[in-house]
Amino acid sequence: MTGEVRVLLYHATNDLSGIEAAYHLTSTRLESVPGLLGNELLHSVADPNGFVVLSAWRNLDAFQEWEKSSEHRNQTAPLRPYRDTTMPNPFGLYQVTASYRTS
């Protein structure tokens, strides 16, 4: 499959310093993953306990290859305690179909 994808992982916590530390540790562990273009920790403006980790991938194949790798669970373990378990699916997977970038 071609085209960049975005993965959104939903988290819920009132422990801002904890989730930030877990995000930074996880990001360090992911630095050399092939196909990962980058990630961001987003804090909801409407919900003080709502967070999303958004990662950008070169394509769906790169994400799926990493996801089924043996390293996947260990690399993302620091963020797992913050997962939003109230949602039926704690993540979303989206393919970029159009985008605009400004300078």
PDB file of N, CA and C in Angstrom:
ATOM      1  N   MET A   1       0.849  -1.180   0.000  1.00  0.00           N
ATOM      2  CA  MET A   1       0.000   0.000   0.000  1.00  0.00           C
ATOM      3  C   MET A   1       0.892   1.239   0.000  1.00  0.00           C
ATOM      4  N   THR A   2       0.479   2.277  -0.697  1.00  0.00           N
ATOM      5  CA  THR A   2       1.277   3.489  -0.788  1.00  0.00           C
ATOM      6  C   THR A   2       0.608   4.618  -0.023  1.00  0.00           C
ATOM      7  N   GLY A   3       1.348   5.673   0.229  1.00  0.00           N
ATOM      8  CA  GLY A   3       0.815   6.848   0.899  1.00  0.00           C
ATOM      9  C   GLY A   3       1.029   6.817   2.393  1.00  0.00           C
ATOM     10  N   GLU A   4       1.305   7.983   2.942  1.00  0.00           N
ATOM     11  CA  GLU A   4       1.538   8.095   4.381  1.00  0.00           C
ATOM     12  C   GLU A   4       0.296   7.739   5.184  1.00  0.00           C
ATOM     13  N   VAL A   5       0.527   7.245   6.391  1.00  0.00           N
ATOM     14  CA  VAL A   5      -0.568   6.966   7.316  1.00  0.00           C
ATOM     15  C   VAL A   5      -0.294   7.670   8.634  1.00  0.00           C
ATOM     16  N   ARG A   6      -1.368   7.900   9.378  1.00  0.00           N
ATOM     17  CA  ARG A   6      -1.297   8.475  10.713  1.00  0.00           C
ATOM     18  C   ARG A   6      -1.951   7.503  11.680  1.00  0.00           C
ATOM     19  N   VAL A   7      -1.313   7.311  12.810  1.00  0.00           N
ATOM     20  CA  VAL A   7      -1.852   6.459  13.861  1.00  0.00           C
ATOM     21  C   VAL A   7      -2.116   7.350  15.062  1.00  0.00           C
ATOM     22  N   LEU A   8      -3.324   7.277  15.607  1.00  0.00           N
ATOM     23  CA  LEU A   8      -3.705   8.046  16.782  1.00  0.00           C
ATOM     24  C   LEU A   8      -3.950   7.070  17.924  1.00  0.00           C
ATOM     25  N   LEU A   9      -3.229   7.247  19.028  1.00  0.00           N
ATOM     26  CA  LEU A   9      -3.405   6.423  20.224  1.00  0.00           C
ATOM     27  C   LEU A   9      -4.002   7.311  21.301  1.00  0.00           C
ATOM     28  N   TYR A  10      -5.162   6.920  21.802  1.00  0.00           N
ATOM     29  CA  TYR A  10      -5.903   7.730  22.757  1.00  0.00           C
ATOM     30  C   TYR A  10      -5.526   7.353  24.186  1.00  0.00           C
ATOM     31  N   HIS A  11      -5.272   8.385  24.993  1.00  0.00           N
ATOM     32  CA  HIS A  11      -4.879   8.184  26.387  1.00  0.00           C
ATOM     33  C   HIS A  11      -5.713   9.087  27.284  1.00  0.00           C
ATOM     34  N   ALA A  12      -5.831   8.679  28.545  1.00  0.00           N
ATOM     35  CA  ALA A  12      -6.572   9.476  29.535  1.00  0.00           C
ATOM     36  C   ALA A  12      -5.831   9.411  30.866  1.00  0.00           C
ATOM     37  N   THR A  13      -5.507  10.587  31.392  1.00  0.00           N
ATOM     38  CA  THR A  13      -4.825  10.655  32.685  1.00  0.00           C
ATOM     39  C   THR A  13      -4.824  12.092  33.181  1.00  0.00           C
ATOM     40  N   ASN A  14      -4.695  12.241  34.489  1.00  0.00           N
ATOM     41  CA  ASN A  14      -4.472  13.583  35.042  1.00  0.00           C
ATOM     42  C   ASN A  14      -3.010  13.736  35.453  1.00  0.00           C
ATOM     43  N   ASP A  15      -2.171  12.755  35.117  1.00  0.00           N
ATOM     44  CA  ASP A  15      -0.745  12.762  35.449  1.00  0.00           C
ATOM     45  C   ASP A  15       0.056  13.299  34.258  1.00  0.00           C
ATOM     46  N   LEU A  16       0.091  14.625  34.128  1.00  0.00           N
ATOM     47  CA  LEU A  16       0.763  15.263  33.004  1.00  0.00           C
ATOM     48  C   LEU A  16       2.244  14.914  32.948  1.00  0.00           C
ATOM     49  N   SER A  17       2.936  15.002  34.075  1.00  0.00           N
ATOM     50  CA  SER A  17       4.374  14.720  34.050  1.00  0.00           C
ATOM     51  C   SER A  17       4.633  13.245  33.749  1.00  0.00           C
ATOM     52  N   GLY A  18       3.762  12.357  34.222  1.00  0.00           N
ATOM     53  CA  GLY A  18       3.925  10.933  33.953  1.00  0.00           C
ATOM     54  C   GLY A  18       3.768  10.588  32.494  1.00  0.00           C
ATOM     55  N   ILE A  19       2.724  11.109  31.863  1.00  0.00           N
ATOM     56  CA  ILE A  19       2.511  10.787  30.448  1.00  0.00           C
ATOM     57  C   ILE A  19       3.580  11.443  29.576  1.00  0.00           C
ATOM     58  N   GLU A  20       4.029  12.649  29.956  1.00  0.00           N
ATOM     59  CA  GLU A  20       5.102  13.281  29.189  1.00  0.00           C
ATOM     60  C   GLU A  20       6.387  12.469  29.279  1.00  0.00           C
ATOM     61  N   ALA A  21       6.727  11.982  30.474  1.00  0.00           N
ATOM     62  CA  ALA A  21       7.933  11.159  30.636  1.00  0.00           C
ATOM     63  C   ALA A  21       7.806   9.867  29.837  1.00  0.00           C
ATOM     64  N   ALA A  22       6.638   9.232  29.888  1.00  0.00           N
ATOM     65  CA  ALA A  22       6.420   7.991  29.138  1.00  0.00           C
ATOM     66  C   ALA A  22       6.507   8.247  27.634  1.00  0.00           C
ATOM     67  N   TYR A  23       5.960   9.369  27.178  1.00  0.00           N
ATOM     68  CA  TYR A  23       6.017   9.724  25.766  1.00  0.00           C
ATOM     69  C   TYR A  23       7.465   9.904  25.316  1.00  0.00           C
ATOM     70  N   HIS A  24       8.259  10.632  26.093  1.00  0.00           N
ATOM     71  CA  HIS A  24       9.656  10.871  25.718  1.00  0.00           C
ATOM     72  C   HIS A  24      10.466   9.570  25.712  1.00  0.00           C
ATOM     73  N   LEU A  25      10.247   8.708  26.688  1.00  0.00           N
ATOM     74  CA  LEU A  25      10.941   7.425  26.733  1.00  0.00           C
ATOM     75  C   LEU A  25      10.550   6.566  25.525  1.00  0.00           C
ATOM     76  N   THR A  26       9.267   6.506  25.239  1.00  0.00           N
ATOM     77  CA  THR A  26       8.793   5.736  24.087  1.00  0.00           C
ATOM     78  C   THR A  26       9.378   6.298  22.798  1.00  0.00           C
ATOM     79  N   SER A  27       9.377   7.609  22.654  1.00  0.00           N
ATOM     80  CA  SER A  27       9.907   8.235  21.437  1.00  0.00           C
ATOM     81  C   SER A  27      11.381   7.919  21.256  1.00  0.00           C
ATOM     82  N   THR A  28      12.139   7.913  22.336  1.00  0.00           N
ATOM     83  CA  THR A  28      13.556   7.555  22.261  1.00  0.00           C
ATOM     84  C   THR A  28      13.717   6.121  21.785  1.00  0.00           C
ATOM     85  N   ARG A  29      12.876   5.228  22.265  1.00  0.00           N
ATOM     86  CA  ARG A  29      12.932   3.820  21.858  1.00  0.00           C
ATOM     87  C   ARG A  29      12.565   3.626  20.388  1.00  0.00           C
ATOM     88  N   LEU A  30      11.789   4.555  19.829  1.00  0.00           N
ATOM     89  CA  LEU A  30      11.308   4.427  18.455  1.00  0.00           C
ATOM     90  C   LEU A  30      12.183   5.145  17.432  1.00  0.00           C
ATOM     91  N   GLU A  31      13.245   5.798  17.871  1.00  0.00           N
ATOM     92  CA  GLU A  31      14.032   6.641  16.974  1.00  0.00           C
ATOM     93  C   GLU A  31      14.526   5.952  15.701  1.00  0.00           C
ATOM     94  N   SER A  32      14.847   4.689  15.760  1.00  0.00           N
ATOM     95  CA  SER A  32      15.424   4.024  14.586  1.00  0.00           C
ATOM     96  C   SER A  32      14.445   3.089  13.873  1.00  0.00           C
ATOM     97  N   VAL A  33      13.158   3.219  14.143  1.00  0.00           N
ATOM     98  CA  VAL A  33      12.174   2.339  13.497  1.00  0.00           C
ATOM     99  C   VAL A  33      12.013   2.754  12.033  1.00  0.00           C
ATOM    100  N   PRO A  34      12.265   1.825  11.106  1.00  0.00           N
ATOM    101  CA  PRO A  34      12.120   2.150   9.684  1.00  0.00           C
ATOM    102  C   PRO A  34      10.677   2.544   9.351  1.00  0.00           C
ATOM    103  N   GLY A  35      10.547   3.624   8.600  1.00  0.00           N
ATOM    104  CA  GLY A  35       9.228   4.057   8.152  1.00  0.00           C
ATOM    105  C   GLY A  35       8.525   5.032   9.064  1.00  0.00           C
ATOM    106  N   LEU A  36       8.988   5.165  10.308  1.00  0.00           N
ATOM    107  CA  LEU A  36       8.371   6.130  11.225  1.00  0.00           C
ATOM    108  C   LEU A  36       8.911   7.513  10.900  1.00  0.00           C
ATOM    109  N   LEU A  37       8.023   8.430  10.561  1.00  0.00           N
ATOM    110  CA  LEU A  37       8.421   9.786  10.188  1.00  0.00           C
ATOM    111  C   LEU A  37       8.484  10.730  11.376  1.00  0.00           C
ATOM    112  N   GLY A  38       7.761  10.419  12.452  1.00  0.00           N
ATOM    113  CA  GLY A  38       7.756  11.259  13.636  1.00  0.00           C
ATOM    114  C   GLY A  38       6.486  11.045  14.434  1.00  0.00           C
ATOM    115  N   ASN A  39       6.419  11.677  15.603  1.00  0.00           N
ATOM    116  CA  ASN A  39       5.227  11.584  16.446  1.00  0.00           C
ATOM    117  C   ASN A  39       5.083  12.825  17.299  1.00  0.00           C
ATOM    118  N   GLU A  40       3.886  12.998  17.837  1.00  0.00           N
ATOM    119  CA  GLU A  40       3.572  14.147  18.689  1.00  0.00           C
ATOM    120  C   GLU A  40       2.679  13.699  19.833  1.00  0.00           C
ATOM    121  N   LEU A  41       2.858  14.311  20.987  1.00  0.00           N
ATOM    122  CA  LEU A  41       1.933  14.142  22.110  1.00  0.00           C
ATOM    123  C   LEU A  41       1.007  15.344  22.099  1.00  0.00           C
ATOM    124  N   LEU A  42      -0.289  15.092  21.958  1.00  0.00           N
ATOM    125  CA  LEU A  42      -1.289  16.156  21.901  1.00  0.00           C
ATOM    126  C   LEU A  42      -2.140  16.112  23.165  1.00  0.00           C
ATOM    127  N   HIS A  43      -2.395  17.283  23.754  1.00  0.00           N
ATOM    128  CA  HIS A  43      -3.209  17.400  24.961  1.00  0.00           C
ATOM    129  C   HIS A  43      -4.515  18.083  24.568  1.00  0.00           C
ATOM    130  N   SER A  44      -5.620  17.476  24.901  1.00  0.00           N
ATOM    131  CA  SER A  44      -6.924  18.005  24.536  1.00  0.00           C
ATOM    132  C   SER A  44      -7.160  19.378  25.165  1.00  0.00           C
ATOM    133  N   VAL A  45      -7.719  20.267  24.395  1.00  0.00           N
ATOM    134  CA  VAL A  45      -8.107  21.582  24.894  1.00  0.00           C
ATOM    135  C   VAL A  45      -9.426  21.479  25.657  1.00  0.00           C
ATOM    136  N   ALA A  46     -10.290  20.559  25.245  1.00  0.00           N
ATOM    137  CA  ALA A  46     -11.616  20.423  25.846  1.00  0.00           C
ATOM    138  C   ALA A  46     -11.647  19.502  27.061  1.00  0.00           C
ATOM    139  N   ASP A  47     -10.726  18.539  27.135  1.00  0.00           N
ATOM    140  CA  ASP A  47     -10.719  17.554  28.215  1.00  0.00           C
ATOM    141  C   ASP A  47      -9.339  17.536  28.858  1.00  0.00           C
ATOM    142  N   PRO A  48      -9.200  18.014  30.077  1.00  0.00           N
ATOM    143  CA  PRO A  48      -7.872  18.097  30.707  1.00  0.00           C
ATOM    144  C   PRO A  48      -7.201  16.738  30.903  1.00  0.00           C
ATOM    145  N   ASN A  49      -7.965  15.648  30.835  1.00  0.00           N
ATOM    146  CA  ASN A  49      -7.389  14.308  30.977  1.00  0.00           C
ATOM    147  C   ASN A  49      -7.190  13.602  29.640  1.00  0.00           C
ATOM    148  N   GLY A  50      -7.498  14.264  28.544  1.00  0.00           N
ATOM    149  CA  GLY A  50      -7.431  13.641  27.226  1.00  0.00           C
ATOM    150  C   GLY A  50      -6.120  13.927  26.505  1.00  0.00           C
ATOM    151  N   PHE A  51      -5.493  12.859  26.020  1.00  0.00           N
ATOM    152  CA  PHE A  51      -4.243  12.955  25.278  1.00  0.00           C
ATOM    153  C   PHE A  51      -4.316  12.045  24.057  1.00  0.00           C
ATOM    154  N   VAL A  52      -3.569  12.412  23.036  1.00  0.00           N
ATOM    155  CA  VAL A  52      -3.429  11.583  21.842  1.00  0.00           C
ATOM    156  C   VAL A  52      -1.952  11.579  21.467  1.00  0.00           C
ATOM    157  N   VAL A  53      -1.432  10.408  21.162  1.00  0.00           N
ATOM    158  CA  VAL A  53      -0.120  10.325  20.532  1.00  0.00           C
ATOM    159  C   VAL A  53      -0.388  10.081  19.055  1.00  0.00           C
ATOM    160  N   LEU A  54       0.058  11.012  18.233  1.00  0.00           N
ATOM    161  CA  LEU A  54      -0.120  10.924  16.796  1.00  0.00           C
ATOM    162  C   LEU A  54       1.226  10.575  16.182  1.00  0.00           C
ATOM    163  N   SER A  55       1.281   9.477  15.438  1.00  0.00           N
ATOM    164  CA  SER A  55       2.524   9.127  14.748  1.00  0.00           C
ATOM    165  C   SER A  55       2.282   9.134  13.248  1.00  0.00           C
ATOM    166  N   ALA A  56       3.307   9.541  12.517  1.00  0.00           N
ATOM    167  CA  ALA A  56       3.255   9.600  11.062  1.00  0.00           C
ATOM    168  C   ALA A  56       4.184   8.524  10.507  1.00  0.00           C
ATOM    169  N   TRP A  57       3.656   7.769   9.547  1.00  0.00           N
ATOM    170  CA  TRP A  57       4.391   6.653   8.953  1.00  0.00           C
ATOM    171  C   TRP A  57       4.490   6.834   7.449  1.00  0.00           C
ATOM    172  N   ARG A  58       5.587   6.349   6.882  1.00  0.00           N
ATOM    173  CA  ARG A  58       5.823   6.459   5.438  1.00  0.00           C
ATOM    174  C   ARG A  58       4.690   5.797   4.657  1.00  0.00           C
ATOM    175  N   ASN A  59       4.224   4.650   5.136  1.00  0.00           N
ATOM    176  CA  ASN A  59       3.113   3.955   4.484  1.00  0.00           C
ATOM    177  C   ASN A  59       2.556   2.901   5.440  1.00  0.00           C
ATOM    178  N   LEU A  60       1.443   2.305   5.066  1.00  0.00           N
ATOM    179  CA  LEU A  60       0.782   1.319   5.910  1.00  0.00           C
ATOM    180  C   LEU A  60       1.643   0.076   6.097  1.00  0.00           C
ATOM    181  N   ASP A  61       2.340  -0.333   5.055  1.00  0.00           N
ATOM    182  CA  ASP A  61       3.194  -1.518   5.160  1.00  0.00           C
ATOM    183  C   ASP A  61       4.265  -1.333   6.234  1.00  0.00           C
ATOM    184  N   ALA A  62       4.892  -0.157   6.288  1.00  0.00           N
ATOM    185  CA  ALA A  62       5.933   0.103   7.291  1.00  0.00           C
ATOM    186  C   ALA A  62       5.344   0.027   8.693  1.00  0.00           C
ATOM    187  N   PHE A  63       4.161   0.618   8.897  1.00  0.00           N
ATOM    188  CA  PHE A  63       3.532   0.557  10.210  1.00  0.00           C
ATOM    189  C   PHE A  63       3.193  -0.877  10.588  1.00  0.00           C
ATOM    190  N   GLN A  64       2.591  -1.621   9.674  1.00  0.00           N
ATOM    191  CA  GLN A  64       2.173  -2.984   9.981  1.00  0.00           C
ATOM    192  C   GLN A  64       3.371  -3.904  10.237  1.00  0.00           C
ATOM    193  N   GLU A  65       4.450  -3.694   9.510  1.00  0.00           N
ATOM    194  CA  GLU A  65       5.656  -4.499   9.738  1.00  0.00           C
ATOM    195  C   GLU A  65       6.193  -4.255  11.147  1.00  0.00           C
ATOM    196  N   TRP A  66       6.246  -2.991  11.555  1.00  0.00           N
ATOM    197  CA  TRP A  66       6.706  -2.682  12.915  1.00  0.00           C
ATOM    198  C   TRP A  66       5.733  -3.220  13.953  1.00  0.00           C
ATOM    199  N   GLU A  67       4.431  -3.062  13.710  1.00  0.00           N
ATOM    200  CA  GLU A  67       3.426  -3.473  14.683  1.00  0.00           C
ATOM    201  C   GLU A  67       3.493  -4.976  14.975  1.00  0.00           C
ATOM    202  N   LYS A  68       3.827  -5.774  13.986  1.00  0.00           N
ATOM    203  CA  LYS A  68       3.903  -7.215  14.238  1.00  0.00           C
ATOM    204  C   LYS A  68       5.301  -7.678  14.653  1.00  0.00           C
ATOM    205  N   SER A  69       6.237  -6.736  14.800  1.00  0.00           N
ATOM    206  CA  SER A  69       7.591  -7.088  15.215  1.00  0.00           C
ATOM    207  C   SER A  69       7.636  -7.419  16.710  1.00  0.00           C
ATOM    208  N   SER A  70       8.661  -8.123  17.102  1.00  0.00           N
ATOM    209  CA  SER A  70       8.812  -8.485  18.512  1.00  0.00           C
ATOM    210  C   SER A  70       9.158  -7.275  19.378  1.00  0.00           C
ATOM    211  N   GLU A  71       9.693  -6.211  18.803  1.00  0.00           N
ATOM    212  CA  GLU A  71      10.076  -5.014  19.562  1.00  0.00           C
ATOM    213  C   GLU A  71       8.891  -4.101  19.891  1.00  0.00           C
ATOM    214  N   HIS A  72       7.816  -4.210  19.127  1.00  0.00           N
ATOM    215  CA  HIS A  72       6.679  -3.301  19.233  1.00  0.00           C
ATOM    216  C   HIS A  72       6.191  -3.109  20.673  1.00  0.00           C
ATOM    217  N   ARG A  73       5.882  -4.181  21.365  1.00  0.00           N
ATOM    218  CA  ARG A  73       5.307  -4.084  22.719  1.00  0.00           C
ATOM    219  C   ARG A  73       6.282  -3.473  23.711  1.00  0.00           C
ATOM    220  N   ASN A  74       7.537  -3.841  23.652  1.00  0.00           N
ATOM    221  CA  ASN A  74       8.528  -3.288  24.572  1.00  0.00           C
ATOM    222  C   ASN A  74       8.747  -1.797  24.311  1.00  0.00           C
ATOM    223  N   GLN A  75       8.803  -1.407  23.055  1.00  0.00           N
ATOM    224  CA  GLN A  75       9.047  -0.011  22.718  1.00  0.00           C
ATOM    225  C   GLN A  75       7.924   0.902  23.191  1.00  0.00           C
ATOM    226  N   THR A  76       6.692   0.412  23.182  1.00  0.00           N
ATOM    227  CA  THR A  76       5.554   1.258  23.539  1.00  0.00           C
ATOM    228  C   THR A  76       5.050   1.031  24.967  1.00  0.00           C
ATOM    229  N   ALA A  77       5.696   0.144  25.700  1.00  0.00           N
ATOM    230  CA  ALA A  77       5.243  -0.202  27.057  1.00  0.00           C
ATOM    231  C   ALA A  77       5.088   0.993  27.999  1.00  0.00           C
ATOM    232  N   PRO A  78       5.960   2.005  27.962  1.00  0.00           N
ATOM    233  CA  PRO A  78       5.805   3.110  28.915  1.00  0.00           C
ATOM    234  C   PRO A  78       4.467   3.846  28.815  1.00  0.00           C
ATOM    235  N   LEU A  79       3.875   3.878  27.636  1.00  0.00           N
ATOM    236  CA  LEU A  79       2.604   4.597  27.455  1.00  0.00           C
ATOM    237  C   LEU A  79       1.378   3.743  27.759  1.00  0.00           C
ATOM    238  N   ARG A  80       1.538   2.442  27.807  1.00  0.00           N
ATOM    239  CA  ARG A  80       0.387   1.548  27.966  1.00  0.00           C
ATOM    240  C   ARG A  80      -0.476   1.848  29.194  1.00  0.00           C
ATOM    241  N   PRO A  81       0.100   2.195  30.355  1.00  0.00           N
ATOM    242  CA  PRO A  81      -0.756   2.477  31.520  1.00  0.00           C
ATOM    243  C   PRO A  81      -1.686   3.687  31.341  1.00  0.00           C
ATOM    244  N   TYR A  82      -1.399   4.531  30.361  1.00  0.00           N
ATOM    245  CA  TYR A  82      -2.196   5.735  30.145  1.00  0.00           C
ATOM    246  C   TYR A  82      -3.278   5.552  29.077  1.00  0.00           C
ATOM    247  N   ARG A  83      -3.350   4.384  28.479  1.00  0.00           N
ATOM    248  CA  ARG A  83      -4.327   4.110  27.412  1.00  0.00           C
ATOM    249  C   ARG A  83      -5.741   4.402  27.896  1.00  0.00           C
ATOM    250  N   ASP A  84      -6.543   5.000  27.036  1.00  0.00           N
ATOM    251  CA  ASP A  84      -7.931   5.310  27.372  1.00  0.00           C
ATOM    252  C   ASP A  84      -8.773   4.048  27.198  1.00  0.00           C
ATOM    253  N   THR A  85      -9.051   3.373  28.300  1.00  0.00           N
ATOM    254  CA  THR A  85      -9.789   2.107  28.257  1.00  0.00           C
ATOM    255  C   THR A  85     -11.304   2.300  28.187  1.00  0.00           C
ATOM    256  N   THR A  86     -11.772   3.555  28.214  1.00  0.00           N
ATOM    257  CA  THR A  86     -13.210   3.801  28.102  1.00  0.00           C
ATOM    258  C   THR A  86     -13.681   3.743  26.648  1.00  0.00           C
ATOM    259  N   MET A  87     -12.730   3.774  25.728  1.00  0.00           N
ATOM    260  CA  MET A  87     -13.072   3.763  24.306  1.00  0.00           C
ATOM    261  C   MET A  87     -13.140   2.326  23.796  1.00  0.00           C
ATOM    262  N   PRO A  88     -14.055   2.043  22.869  1.00  0.00           N
ATOM    263  CA  PRO A  88     -14.129   0.693  22.316  1.00  0.00           C
ATOM    264  C   PRO A  88     -12.842   0.307  21.574  1.00  0.00           C
ATOM    265  N   ASN A  89     -12.188   1.271  20.983  1.00  0.00           N
ATOM    266  CA  ASN A  89     -10.926   1.046  20.288  1.00  0.00           C
ATOM    267  C   ASN A  89      -9.980   2.181  20.674  1.00  0.00           C
ATOM    268  N   PRO A  90      -8.883   1.897  21.380  1.00  0.00           N
ATOM    269  CA  PRO A  90      -8.022   2.969  21.874  1.00  0.00           C
ATOM    270  C   PRO A  90      -7.071   3.544  20.834  1.00  0.00           C
ATOM    271  N   PHE A  91      -7.283   3.229  19.557  1.00  0.00           N
ATOM    272  CA  PHE A  91      -6.431   3.796  18.526  1.00  0.00           C
ATOM    273  C   PHE A  91      -7.211   3.977  17.231  1.00  0.00           C
ATOM    274  N   GLY A  92      -6.678   4.823  16.370  1.00  0.00           N
ATOM    275  CA  GLY A  92      -7.231   5.020  15.044  1.00  0.00           C
ATOM    276  C   GLY A  92      -6.107   4.959  14.028  1.00  0.00           C
ATOM    277  N   LEU A  93      -6.385   4.441  12.865  1.00  0.00           N
ATOM    278  CA  LEU A  93      -5.407   4.311  11.789  1.00  0.00           C
ATOM    279  C   LEU A  93      -6.000   4.967  10.549  1.00  0.00           C
ATOM    280  N   TYR A  94      -5.303   5.980  10.024  1.00  0.00           N
ATOM    281  CA  TYR A  94      -5.837   6.768   8.917  1.00  0.00           C
ATOM    282  C   TYR A  94      -4.796   6.913   7.823  1.00  0.00           C
ATOM    283  N   GLN A  95      -5.216   6.754   6.589  1.00  0.00           N
ATOM    284  CA  GLN A  95      -4.332   6.994   5.464  1.00  0.00           C
ATOM    285  C   GLN A  95      -4.528   8.426   4.987  1.00  0.00           C
ATOM    286  N   VAL A  96      -3.431   9.106   4.705  1.00  0.00           N
ATOM    287  CA  VAL A  96      -3.492  10.474   4.200  1.00  0.00           C
ATOM    288  C   VAL A  96      -3.950  10.406   2.746  1.00  0.00           C
ATOM    289  N   THR A  97      -5.068  11.050   2.461  1.00  0.00           N
ATOM    290  CA  THR A  97      -5.564  11.087   1.088  1.00  0.00           C
ATOM    291  C   THR A  97      -5.359  12.451   0.441  1.00  0.00           C
ATOM    292  N   ALA A  98      -5.158  13.472   1.257  1.00  0.00           N
ATOM    293  CA  ALA A  98      -4.866  14.804   0.746  1.00  0.00           C
ATOM    294  C   ALA A  98      -4.248  15.621   1.878  1.00  0.00           C
ATOM    295  N   SER A  99      -3.385  16.568   1.528  1.00  0.00           N
ATOM    296  CA  SER A  99      -2.819  17.440   2.561  1.00  0.00           C
ATOM    297  C   SER A  99      -2.322  18.734   1.937  1.00  0.00           C
ATOM    298  N   TYR A 100      -2.244  19.739   2.757  1.00  0.00           N
ATOM    299  CA  TYR A 100      -1.678  21.022   2.379  1.00  0.00           C
ATOM    300  C   TYR A 100      -0.657  21.398   3.437  1.00  0.00           C
ATOM    301  N   ARG A 101       0.418  21.956   3.027  1.00  0.00           N
ATOM    302  CA  ARG A 101       1.443  22.421   3.973  1.00  0.00           C
ATOM    303  C   ARG A 101       1.708  23.886   3.663  1.00  0.00           C
ATOM    304  N   THR A 102       1.833  24.649   4.717  1.00  0.00           N
ATOM    305  CA  THR A 102       2.131  26.067   4.536  1.00  0.00           C
ATOM    306  C   THR A 102       3.552  26.328   5.000  1.00  0.00           C
ATOM    307  N   SER A 103       4.116  27.388   4.475  1.00  0.00           N
ATOM    308  CA  SER A 103       5.486  27.718   4.841  1.00  0.00           C
ATOM    309  C   SER A 103       5.535  28.655   6.020  1.00  0.00           C
TER     310      SER A 103
END
